[in-house]
């Protein structure tokens, strides 16, 4: 993974969250500084009860995915790849005090589960970003890994996301805050996507490509599936929609990428998504 480390001379805006010669993880909440303690409720961590810089200050890579078991397996894989002491089989879940998420640390790599859907990953990201900020981490790269529904690509393909789009194929994340609709940009780090694509050329077991990822609020009707408890469209309308998505550059569909892109971009995290392809769209193209 060393080949995708951000350049050491990258810097961000000159504010209190910027460390000289480093790209910092910053928060955009003026109320945090006035808090006696910042409790990361769903990670079972806090700024008083834990020494976050000592625990996490060396983190350079964060990999997040939906399934707790998958992220534990990924952490064990990284343990072997980094040739750390021990076999990694008894790796500790740092968030064991809560049943919301799991977190494993292997050297400079943090592996975290985020559950399913925008609300679940959003909660995790709020607390993860604050964790990295409190730990004074710099030059952090974050990658969402997982499976997704592919559109017009071969089974077994891996899609590296350059831009997350909504169900209208627009690069935006819309969220209702108080009684306002707030729209945020969802472009991801294109250089990171290219770096990952270049790394993939050393692996010949599966095809890899860069494309747009469409994020939906639902696994069934929202993803044009015909096998849910409800279905309000015809097979013909489904295929027409997927063809228009493909023409717009969409190569896969999932349920977290827009908020992931929006939050990481606002907080100074170099980010992209990396997806394996499920086969439930094999009838398309």
C-alpha atoms as a PDB file:
ATOM      1  CA  UNK A   1       0.000   0.000   0.000  1.00  0.00           C
ATOM      2  CA  UNK A   2       3.009   2.296   0.259  1.00  0.00           C
ATOM      3  CA  UNK A   3       2.703   3.277  -3.394  1.00  0.00           C
ATOM      4  CA  UNK A   4      -0.503   5.250  -2.741  1.00  0.00           C
ATOM      5  CA  UNK A   5       0.743   7.285   0.199  1.00  0.00           C
ATOM      6  CA  UNK A   6       0.022  10.989  -0.322  1.00  0.00           C
ATOM      7  CA  UNK A   7       3.040  13.154  -1.047  1.00  0.00           C
ATOM      8  CA  UNK A   8       4.635  14.439   2.129  1.00  0.00           C
ATOM      9  CA  UNK A   9       4.627  18.039   0.968  1.00  0.00           C
ATOM     10  CA  UNK A  10       0.858  18.231   0.481  1.00  0.00           C
ATOM     11  CA  UNK A  11      -0.699  20.838   2.750  1.00  0.00           C
ATOM     12  CA  UNK A  12      -4.129  22.233   3.511  1.00  0.00           C
ATOM     13  CA  UNK A  13      -5.391  25.667   4.386  1.00  0.00           C
ATOM     14  CA  UNK A  14      -3.334  27.418   7.117  1.00  0.00           C
ATOM     15  CA  UNK A  15      -5.708  27.077  10.079  1.00  0.00           C
ATOM     16  CA  UNK A  16      -5.377  25.607  13.561  1.00  0.00           C
ATOM     17  CA  UNK A  17      -6.009  22.120  12.211  1.00  0.00           C
ATOM     18  CA  UNK A  18      -3.049  22.229   9.807  1.00  0.00           C
ATOM     19  CA  UNK A  19       0.309  20.772  10.772  1.00  0.00           C
ATOM     20  CA  UNK A  20       3.225  22.093   8.754  1.00  0.00           C
ATOM     21  CA  UNK A  21       3.955  20.030   5.671  1.00  0.00           C
ATOM     22  CA  UNK A  22       1.042  17.672   6.340  1.00  0.00           C
ATOM     23  CA  UNK A  23      -2.524  17.150   5.196  1.00  0.00           C
ATOM     24  CA  UNK A  24      -4.624  17.105   8.351  1.00  0.00           C
ATOM     25  CA  UNK A  25      -8.013  15.687   9.212  1.00  0.00           C
ATOM     26  CA  UNK A  26     -10.127  18.664  10.215  1.00  0.00           C
ATOM     27  CA  UNK A  27     -13.584  19.048  11.646  1.00  0.00           C
ATOM     28  CA  UNK A  28     -16.106  21.757  10.784  1.00  0.00           C
ATOM     29  CA  UNK A  29     -17.900  22.154  14.092  1.00  0.00           C
ATOM     30  CA  UNK A  30     -17.182  25.278  16.211  1.00  0.00           C
ATOM     31  CA  UNK A  31     -18.823  23.699  19.260  1.00  0.00           C
ATOM     32  CA  UNK A  32     -16.337  20.858  19.711  1.00  0.00           C
ATOM     33  CA  UNK A  33     -13.631  23.043  21.261  1.00  0.00           C
ATOM     34  CA  UNK A  34     -15.974  24.081  24.076  1.00  0.00           C
ATOM     35  CA  UNK A  35     -16.847  20.514  25.055  1.00  0.00           C
ATOM     36  CA  UNK A  36     -15.320  19.123  28.245  1.00  0.00           C
ATOM     37  CA  UNK A  37     -15.140  15.703  26.617  1.00  0.00           C
ATOM     38  CA  UNK A  38     -15.987  14.474  23.144  1.00  0.00           C
ATOM     39  CA  UNK A  39     -17.618  11.064  23.512  1.00  0.00           C
ATOM     40  CA  UNK A  40     -17.648   8.907  20.391  1.00  0.00           C
ATOM     41  CA  UNK A  41     -20.741   7.024  21.492  1.00  0.00           C
ATOM     42  CA  UNK A  42     -20.941   4.369  18.794  1.00  0.00           C
ATOM     43  CA  UNK A  43     -17.196   3.610  18.819  1.00  0.00           C
ATOM     44  CA  UNK A  44     -16.998   3.272  22.616  1.00  0.00           C
ATOM     45  CA  UNK A  45     -14.203   5.876  22.774  1.00  0.00           C
ATOM     46  CA  UNK A  46     -13.751   9.333  24.304  1.00  0.00           C
ATOM     47  CA  UNK A  47     -11.199  12.116  24.516  1.00  0.00           C
ATOM     48  CA  UNK A  48     -10.893  11.836  28.327  1.00  0.00           C
ATOM     49  CA  UNK A  49     -11.187   8.121  28.801  1.00  0.00           C
ATOM     50  CA  UNK A  50      -8.744   7.244  26.011  1.00  0.00           C
ATOM     51  CA  UNK A  51      -5.389   8.617  24.833  1.00  0.00           C
ATOM     52  CA  UNK A  52      -6.409   8.920  21.202  1.00  0.00           C
ATOM     53  CA  UNK A  53      -3.080  10.300  19.874  1.00  0.00           C
ATOM     54  CA  UNK A  54      -1.219   7.373  21.464  1.00  0.00           C
ATOM     55  CA  UNK A  55      -3.747   4.835  20.203  1.00  0.00           C
ATOM     56  CA  UNK A  56      -4.300   6.153  16.673  1.00  0.00           C
ATOM     57  CA  UNK A  57      -1.738   8.874  15.897  1.00  0.00           C
ATOM     58  CA  UNK A  58       0.182   6.694  13.431  1.00  0.00           C
ATOM     59  CA  UNK A  59      -2.850   5.786  11.296  1.00  0.00           C
ATOM     60  CA  UNK A  60      -2.263   6.453   7.578  1.00  0.00           C
ATOM     61  CA  UNK A  61      -4.886   4.232   5.963  1.00  0.00           C
ATOM     62  CA  UNK A  62      -8.504   3.633   6.929  1.00  0.00           C
ATOM     63  CA  UNK A  63     -10.498   0.927   5.153  1.00  0.00           C
ATOM     64  CA  UNK A  64     -14.224   0.783   5.836  1.00  0.00           C
ATOM     65  CA  UNK A  65     -16.831  -1.757   4.778  1.00  0.00           C
ATOM     66  CA  UNK A  66     -20.318  -2.834   5.721  1.00  0.00           C
ATOM     67  CA  UNK A  67     -19.797  -6.237   7.332  1.00  0.00           C
ATOM     68  CA  UNK A  68     -18.056  -6.693  10.722  1.00  0.00           C
ATOM     69  CA  UNK A  69     -16.813 -10.162   9.758  1.00  0.00           C
ATOM     70  CA  UNK A  70     -15.444  -8.889   6.451  1.00  0.00           C
ATOM     71  CA  UNK A  71     -13.563  -6.043   8.118  1.00  0.00           C
ATOM     72  CA  UNK A  72     -12.092  -8.404  10.708  1.00  0.00           C
ATOM     73  CA  UNK A  73     -10.949 -10.703   7.903  1.00  0.00           C
ATOM     74  CA  UNK A  74      -9.446  -7.696   6.104  1.00  0.00           C
ATOM     75  CA  UNK A  75      -7.581  -6.656   9.271  1.00  0.00           C
ATOM     76  CA  UNK A  76      -6.195 -10.191   9.615  1.00  0.00           C
ATOM     77  CA  UNK A  77      -5.118 -10.088   5.974  1.00  0.00           C
ATOM     78  CA  UNK A  78      -3.326  -6.765   6.538  1.00  0.00           C
ATOM     79  CA  UNK A  79      -1.681  -8.199   9.659  1.00  0.00           C
ATOM     80  CA  UNK A  80      -0.055 -10.857   7.476  1.00  0.00           C
ATOM     81  CA  UNK A  81       0.761  -8.445   4.642  1.00  0.00           C
ATOM     82  CA  UNK A  82       2.512  -6.072   7.055  1.00  0.00           C
ATOM     83  CA  UNK A  83       4.328  -9.032   8.669  1.00  0.00           C
ATOM     84  CA  UNK A  84       3.344  -7.991  12.179  1.00  0.00           C
ATOM     85  CA  UNK A  85       4.086 -10.189  15.178  1.00  0.00           C
ATOM     86  CA  UNK A  86       1.701 -13.054  15.846  1.00  0.00           C
ATOM     87  CA  UNK A  87      -0.809 -14.674  13.524  1.00  0.00           C
ATOM     88  CA  UNK A  88      -3.491 -11.965  13.896  1.00  0.00           C
ATOM     89  CA  UNK A  89      -6.203 -14.517  14.712  1.00  0.00           C
ATOM     90  CA  UNK A  90      -6.886 -12.954  18.116  1.00  0.00           C
ATOM     91  CA  UNK A  91      -6.920  -9.372  16.827  1.00  0.00           C
ATOM     92  CA  UNK A  92      -8.766  -7.060  19.224  1.00  0.00           C
ATOM     93  CA  UNK A  93     -12.002  -5.263  18.390  1.00  0.00           C
ATOM     94  CA  UNK A  94     -11.374  -1.764  19.734  1.00  0.00           C
ATOM     95  CA  UNK A  95     -15.141  -1.073  19.755  1.00  0.00           C
ATOM     96  CA  UNK A  96     -16.030  -4.274  21.608  1.00  0.00           C
ATOM     97  CA  UNK A  97     -17.988  -2.247  24.181  1.00  0.00           C
ATOM     98  CA  UNK A  98     -20.648  -1.450  21.594  1.00  0.00           C
ATOM     99  CA  UNK A  99     -22.495  -3.618  19.091  1.00  0.00           C
ATOM    100  CA  UNK A 100     -22.882  -0.860  16.481  1.00  0.00           C
ATOM    101  CA  UNK A 101     -19.523  -1.091  14.699  1.00  0.00           C
ATOM    102  CA  UNK A 102     -16.255  -3.005  14.931  1.00  0.00           C
ATOM    103  CA  UNK A 103     -12.747  -1.543  14.606  1.00  0.00           C
ATOM    104  CA  UNK A 104      -9.372  -3.240  14.219  1.00  0.00           C
ATOM    105  CA  UNK A 105      -5.923  -1.651  14.037  1.00  0.00           C
ATOM    106  CA  UNK A 106      -3.027  -3.345  12.272  1.00  0.00           C
ATOM    107  CA  UNK A 107       0.011  -1.078  12.221  1.00  0.00           C
ATOM    108  CA  UNK A 108      -0.928   2.134  10.381  1.00  0.00           C
ATOM    109  CA  UNK A 109      -4.116   0.569   8.956  1.00  0.00           C
ATOM    110  CA  UNK A 110      -7.523   0.968  10.595  1.00  0.00           C
ATOM    111  CA  UNK A 111     -10.302  -1.423   9.533  1.00  0.00           C
ATOM    112  CA  UNK A 112     -13.870  -0.409  10.479  1.00  0.00           C
ATOM    113  CA  UNK A 113     -17.353  -1.699   9.723  1.00  0.00           C
ATOM    114  CA  UNK A 114     -20.083   0.830   8.892  1.00  0.00           C
ATOM    115  CA  UNK A 115     -23.260  -1.191   8.536  1.00  0.00           C
ATOM    116  CA  UNK A 116     -25.717  -0.754   5.676  1.00  0.00           C
ATOM    117  CA  UNK A 117     -27.034   2.458   4.162  1.00  0.00           C
ATOM    118  CA  UNK A 118     -26.394   6.204   4.349  1.00  0.00           C
ATOM    119  CA  UNK A 119     -27.573   6.768   7.952  1.00  0.00           C
ATOM    120  CA  UNK A 120     -25.352   4.019   9.352  1.00  0.00           C
ATOM    121  CA  UNK A 121     -22.148   5.037   7.549  1.00  0.00           C
ATOM    122  CA  UNK A 122     -22.852   8.713   8.253  1.00  0.00           C
ATOM    123  CA  UNK A 123     -22.890   8.132  12.021  1.00  0.00           C
ATOM    124  CA  UNK A 124     -19.689   6.103  11.834  1.00  0.00           C
ATOM    125  CA  UNK A 125     -17.955   8.740   9.683  1.00  0.00           C
ATOM    126  CA  UNK A 126     -18.818  11.590  12.069  1.00  0.00           C
ATOM    127  CA  UNK A 127     -17.133   9.718  14.903  1.00  0.00           C
ATOM    128  CA  UNK A 128     -14.257   8.343  12.811  1.00  0.00           C
ATOM    129  CA  UNK A 129     -13.382  11.802  11.477  1.00  0.00           C
ATOM    130  CA  UNK A 130     -13.436  13.257  14.999  1.00  0.00           C
ATOM    131  CA  UNK A 131     -11.289  10.335  16.158  1.00  0.00           C
ATOM    132  CA  UNK A 132      -8.665  10.976  13.489  1.00  0.00           C
ATOM    133  CA  UNK A 133      -8.759  14.712  14.254  1.00  0.00           C
ATOM    134  CA  UNK A 134      -8.357  14.237  18.013  1.00  0.00           C
ATOM    135  CA  UNK A 135      -5.558  11.741  17.375  1.00  0.00           C
ATOM    136  CA  UNK A 136      -3.784  14.406  15.268  1.00  0.00           C
ATOM    137  CA  UNK A 137      -3.482  12.069  12.290  1.00  0.00           C
ATOM    138  CA  UNK A 138      -2.003  13.450   9.062  1.00  0.00           C
ATOM    139  CA  UNK A 139      -1.919  12.328   5.425  1.00  0.00           C
ATOM    140  CA  UNK A 140      -4.738   9.837   5.915  1.00  0.00           C
ATOM    141  CA  UNK A 141      -6.134   7.881   2.977  1.00  0.00           C
ATOM    142  CA  UNK A 142      -9.580   6.308   3.375  1.00  0.00           C
ATOM    143  CA  UNK A 143     -11.015   3.645   1.089  1.00  0.00           C
ATOM    144  CA  UNK A 144     -14.466   2.119   1.219  1.00  0.00           C
ATOM    145  CA  UNK A 145     -14.278  -1.540   0.190  1.00  0.00           C
ATOM    146  CA  UNK A 146     -17.143  -3.916  -0.435  1.00  0.00           C
ATOM    147  CA  UNK A 147     -19.462  -5.541  -2.921  1.00  0.00           C
ATOM    148  CA  UNK A 148     -21.989  -3.860  -5.184  1.00  0.00           C
ATOM    149  CA  UNK A 149     -24.299  -4.362  -8.121  1.00  0.00           C
ATOM    150  CA  UNK A 150     -22.463  -3.970 -11.417  1.00  0.00           C
ATOM    151  CA  UNK A 151     -23.897  -2.401 -14.573  1.00  0.00           C
ATOM    152  CA  UNK A 152     -22.652  -3.653 -17.926  1.00  0.00           C
ATOM    153  CA  UNK A 153     -19.377  -5.074 -16.611  1.00  0.00           C
ATOM    154  CA  UNK A 154     -18.016  -8.601 -16.359  1.00  0.00           C
ATOM    155  CA  UNK A 155     -18.663 -10.735 -13.265  1.00  0.00           C
ATOM    156  CA  UNK A 156     -15.762 -10.500 -10.834  1.00  0.00           C
ATOM    157  CA  UNK A 157     -14.814  -6.973 -11.929  1.00  0.00           C
ATOM    158  CA  UNK A 158     -13.595  -4.381  -9.439  1.00  0.00           C
ATOM    159  CA  UNK A 159     -14.881  -0.807  -9.803  1.00  0.00           C
ATOM    160  CA  UNK A 160     -12.756   2.046  -8.442  1.00  0.00           C
ATOM    161  CA  UNK A 161     -14.984   5.080  -7.921  1.00  0.00           C
ATOM    162  CA  UNK A 162     -14.007   8.484  -9.286  1.00  0.00           C
ATOM    163  CA  UNK A 163     -17.360  10.152  -8.530  1.00  0.00           C
ATOM    164  CA  UNK A 164     -20.348   9.081  -6.459  1.00  0.00           C
ATOM    165  CA  UNK A 165     -23.695  10.021  -7.992  1.00  0.00           C
ATOM    166  CA  UNK A 166     -27.301   9.958  -6.810  1.00  0.00           C
ATOM    167  CA  UNK A 167     -30.255   8.199  -8.437  1.00  0.00           C
ATOM    168  CA  UNK A 168     -30.498  11.030 -10.995  1.00  0.00           C
ATOM    169  CA  UNK A 169     -26.830  10.410 -11.948  1.00  0.00           C
ATOM    170  CA  UNK A 170     -25.816  13.764 -10.394  1.00  0.00           C
ATOM    171  CA  UNK A 171     -22.585  14.180  -8.352  1.00  0.00           C
ATOM    172  CA  UNK A 172     -24.291  15.367  -5.193  1.00  0.00           C
ATOM    173  CA  UNK A 173     -25.425  14.347  -1.725  1.00  0.00           C
ATOM    174  CA  UNK A 174     -28.602  15.978  -0.464  1.00  0.00           C
ATOM    175  CA  UNK A 175     -29.357  16.022   3.244  1.00  0.00           C
ATOM    176  CA  UNK A 176     -32.140  17.678   5.203  1.00  0.00           C
ATOM    177  CA  UNK A 177     -30.570  19.708   8.046  1.00  0.00           C
ATOM    178  CA  UNK A 178     -33.144  21.392  10.270  1.00  0.00           C
ATOM    179  CA  UNK A 179     -35.665  22.382   7.584  1.00  0.00           C
ATOM    180  CA  UNK A 180     -33.153  23.053   4.817  1.00  0.00           C
ATOM    181  CA  UNK A 181     -31.963  20.785   2.016  1.00  0.00           C
ATOM    182  CA  UNK A 182     -28.155  20.973   1.981  1.00  0.00           C
ATOM    183  CA  UNK A 183     -26.361  19.793  -1.165  1.00  0.00           C
ATOM    184  CA  UNK A 184     -22.725  18.654  -1.024  1.00  0.00           C
ATOM    185  CA  UNK A 185     -20.231  17.645  -3.699  1.00  0.00           C
ATOM    186  CA  UNK A 186     -19.397  13.954  -4.106  1.00  0.00           C
ATOM    187  CA  UNK A 187     -16.284  13.873  -6.276  1.00  0.00           C
ATOM    188  CA  UNK A 188     -13.595  11.587  -4.935  1.00  0.00           C
ATOM    189  CA  UNK A 189      -9.806  11.760  -5.235  1.00  0.00           C
ATOM    190  CA  UNK A 190      -9.119  11.007  -8.911  1.00  0.00           C
ATOM    191  CA  UNK A 191      -5.377  10.691  -8.408  1.00  0.00           C
ATOM    192  CA  UNK A 192      -5.963   8.090  -5.715  1.00  0.00           C
ATOM    193  CA  UNK A 193      -8.297   6.232  -8.079  1.00  0.00           C
ATOM    194  CA  UNK A 194      -5.567   6.212 -10.744  1.00  0.00           C
ATOM    195  CA  UNK A 195      -2.969   5.076  -8.197  1.00  0.00           C
ATOM    196  CA  UNK A 196      -5.195   2.149  -7.242  1.00  0.00           C
ATOM    197  CA  UNK A 197      -5.807   1.330 -10.895  1.00  0.00           C
ATOM    198  CA  UNK A 198      -2.060   1.252 -11.503  1.00  0.00           C
ATOM    199  CA  UNK A 199      -1.608  -1.043  -8.501  1.00  0.00           C
ATOM    200  CA  UNK A 200      -4.291  -3.361  -9.871  1.00  0.00           C
ATOM    201  CA  UNK A 201      -2.287  -3.952 -13.045  1.00  0.00           C
ATOM    202  CA  UNK A 202       0.014  -6.173 -10.991  1.00  0.00           C
ATOM    203  CA  UNK A 203      -2.976  -8.443 -10.207  1.00  0.00           C
ATOM    204  CA  UNK A 204      -4.359 -10.478 -13.101  1.00  0.00           C
ATOM    205  CA  UNK A 205      -7.109 -12.454 -11.350  1.00  0.00           C
ATOM    206  CA  UNK A 206      -9.870  -9.905 -11.955  1.00  0.00           C
ATOM    207  CA  UNK A 207     -10.540  -6.933 -14.287  1.00  0.00           C
ATOM    208  CA  UNK A 208     -10.405  -3.477 -12.720  1.00  0.00           C
ATOM    209  CA  UNK A 209     -11.855  -0.216 -14.039  1.00  0.00           C
ATOM    210  CA  UNK A 210     -12.648   3.340 -12.953  1.00  0.00           C
ATOM    211  CA  UNK A 211     -16.241   4.545 -13.112  1.00  0.00           C
ATOM    212  CA  UNK A 212     -19.069   6.377 -11.378  1.00  0.00           C
ATOM    213  CA  UNK A 213     -20.816   4.681  -8.461  1.00  0.00           C
ATOM    214  CA  UNK A 214     -24.521   5.301  -7.946  1.00  0.00           C
ATOM    215  CA  UNK A 215     -25.732   5.527  -4.361  1.00  0.00           C
ATOM    216  CA  UNK A 216     -29.354   4.683  -3.525  1.00  0.00           C
ATOM    217  CA  UNK A 217     -31.455   4.809  -0.356  1.00  0.00           C
ATOM    218  CA  UNK A 218     -32.807   1.300  -0.845  1.00  0.00           C
ATOM    219  CA  UNK A 219     -31.568  -2.153  -1.864  1.00  0.00           C
ATOM    220  CA  UNK A 220     -34.695  -3.199  -3.764  1.00  0.00           C
ATOM    221  CA  UNK A 221     -36.828  -0.671  -5.689  1.00  0.00           C
ATOM    222  CA  UNK A 222     -34.123   2.004  -5.389  1.00  0.00           C
ATOM    223  CA  UNK A 223     -31.706  -0.285  -7.224  1.00  0.00           C
ATOM    224  CA  UNK A 224     -34.248  -1.263  -9.904  1.00  0.00           C
ATOM    225  CA  UNK A 225     -34.602  -4.793  -8.537  1.00  0.00           C
ATOM    226  CA  UNK A 226     -37.599  -6.950  -9.375  1.00  0.00           C
ATOM    227  CA  UNK A 227     -37.405  -9.209  -6.293  1.00  0.00           C
ATOM    228  CA  UNK A 228     -38.497  -7.001  -3.389  1.00  0.00           C
ATOM    229  CA  UNK A 229     -41.765  -7.094  -1.423  1.00  0.00           C
ATOM    230  CA  UNK A 230     -42.801  -4.097  -3.541  1.00  0.00           C
ATOM    231  CA  UNK A 231     -42.134  -3.360  -7.206  1.00  0.00           C
ATOM    232  CA  UNK A 232     -43.723  -0.339  -8.873  1.00  0.00           C
ATOM    233  CA  UNK A 233     -42.123  -0.583 -12.341  1.00  0.00           C
ATOM    234  CA  UNK A 234     -41.913  -2.945 -15.281  1.00  0.00           C
ATOM    235  CA  UNK A 235     -38.894  -4.951 -16.435  1.00  0.00           C
ATOM    236  CA  UNK A 236     -38.759  -2.684 -19.508  1.00  0.00           C
ATOM    237  CA  UNK A 237     -38.574   0.476 -17.373  1.00  0.00           C
ATOM    238  CA  UNK A 238     -35.889  -1.142 -15.245  1.00  0.00           C
ATOM    239  CA  UNK A 239     -33.708  -1.930 -18.247  1.00  0.00           C
ATOM    240  CA  UNK A 240     -34.236   1.549 -19.702  1.00  0.00           C
ATOM    241  CA  UNK A 241     -33.135   3.119 -16.399  1.00  0.00           C
ATOM    242  CA  UNK A 242     -30.010   0.951 -16.153  1.00  0.00           C
ATOM    243  CA  UNK A 243     -29.075   1.722 -19.744  1.00  0.00           C
ATOM    244  CA  UNK A 244     -29.361   5.449 -19.017  1.00  0.00           C
ATOM    245  CA  UNK A 245     -27.242   4.974 -15.897  1.00  0.00           C
ATOM    246  CA  UNK A 246     -24.576   3.166 -17.922  1.00  0.00           C
ATOM    247  CA  UNK A 247     -24.596   5.935 -20.537  1.00  0.00           C
ATOM    248  CA  UNK A 248     -24.069   8.468 -17.731  1.00  0.00           C
ATOM    249  CA  UNK A 249     -20.906   6.629 -16.662  1.00  0.00           C
ATOM    250  CA  UNK A 250     -22.335   4.579 -13.802  1.00  0.00           C
ATOM    251  CA  UNK A 251     -20.691   1.156 -13.456  1.00  0.00           C
ATOM    252  CA  UNK A 252     -22.043  -0.017 -10.113  1.00  0.00           C
ATOM    253  CA  UNK A 253     -24.745   0.635  -7.507  1.00  0.00           C
ATOM    254  CA  UNK A 254     -24.605   0.599  -3.704  1.00  0.00           C
ATOM    255  CA  UNK A 255     -25.957   2.551  -0.705  1.00  0.00           C
ATOM    256  CA  UNK A 256     -23.197   4.577   0.983  1.00  0.00           C
ATOM    257  CA  UNK A 257     -20.877   6.306  -1.491  1.00  0.00           C
ATOM    258  CA  UNK A 258     -22.422   9.791  -1.749  1.00  0.00           C
ATOM    259  CA  UNK A 259     -22.282  10.619   1.944  1.00  0.00           C
ATOM    260  CA  UNK A 260     -18.862   8.953   2.159  1.00  0.00           C
ATOM    261  CA  UNK A 261     -17.531  11.180  -0.631  1.00  0.00           C
ATOM    262  CA  UNK A 262     -19.164  14.339   0.733  1.00  0.00           C
ATOM    263  CA  UNK A 263     -17.950  13.966   4.323  1.00  0.00           C
ATOM    264  CA  UNK A 264     -14.426  12.851   3.451  1.00  0.00           C
ATOM    265  CA  UNK A 265     -14.027  15.703   0.983  1.00  0.00           C
ATOM    266  CA  UNK A 266     -15.138  18.327   3.495  1.00  0.00           C
ATOM    267  CA  UNK A 267     -12.805  17.038   6.202  1.00  0.00           C
ATOM    268  CA  UNK A 268      -9.553  16.707   4.251  1.00  0.00           C
ATOM    269  CA  UNK A 269      -9.511  12.942   3.758  1.00  0.00           C
ATOM    270  CA  UNK A 270      -8.070  11.520   0.540  1.00  0.00           C
ATOM    271  CA  UNK A 271     -10.779   9.050  -0.397  1.00  0.00           C
ATOM    272  CA  UNK A 272     -12.185   6.638  -2.957  1.00  0.00           C
ATOM    273  CA  UNK A 273     -14.275   3.459  -3.104  1.00  0.00           C
ATOM    274  CA  UNK A 274     -13.259   0.019  -4.338  1.00  0.00           C
ATOM    275  CA  UNK A 275     -16.014  -2.476  -5.132  1.00  0.00           C
ATOM    276  CA  UNK A 276     -16.320  -6.074  -6.205  1.00  0.00           C
ATOM    277  CA  UNK A 277     -19.264  -6.812  -8.480  1.00  0.00           C
ATOM    278  CA  UNK A 278     -22.322  -8.904  -7.625  1.00  0.00           C
ATOM    279  CA  UNK A 279     -24.105 -10.646 -10.480  1.00  0.00           C
ATOM    280  CA  UNK A 280     -27.736  -9.613 -10.000  1.00  0.00           C
ATOM    281  CA  UNK A 281     -27.577  -7.222 -12.966  1.00  0.00           C
ATOM    282  CA  UNK A 282     -26.175  -9.861 -15.309  1.00  0.00           C
ATOM    283  CA  UNK A 283     -29.253  -9.599 -17.526  1.00  0.00           C
ATOM    284  CA  UNK A 284     -28.291  -6.003 -18.413  1.00  0.00           C
ATOM    285  CA  UNK A 285     -26.247  -5.645 -21.616  1.00  0.00           C
END
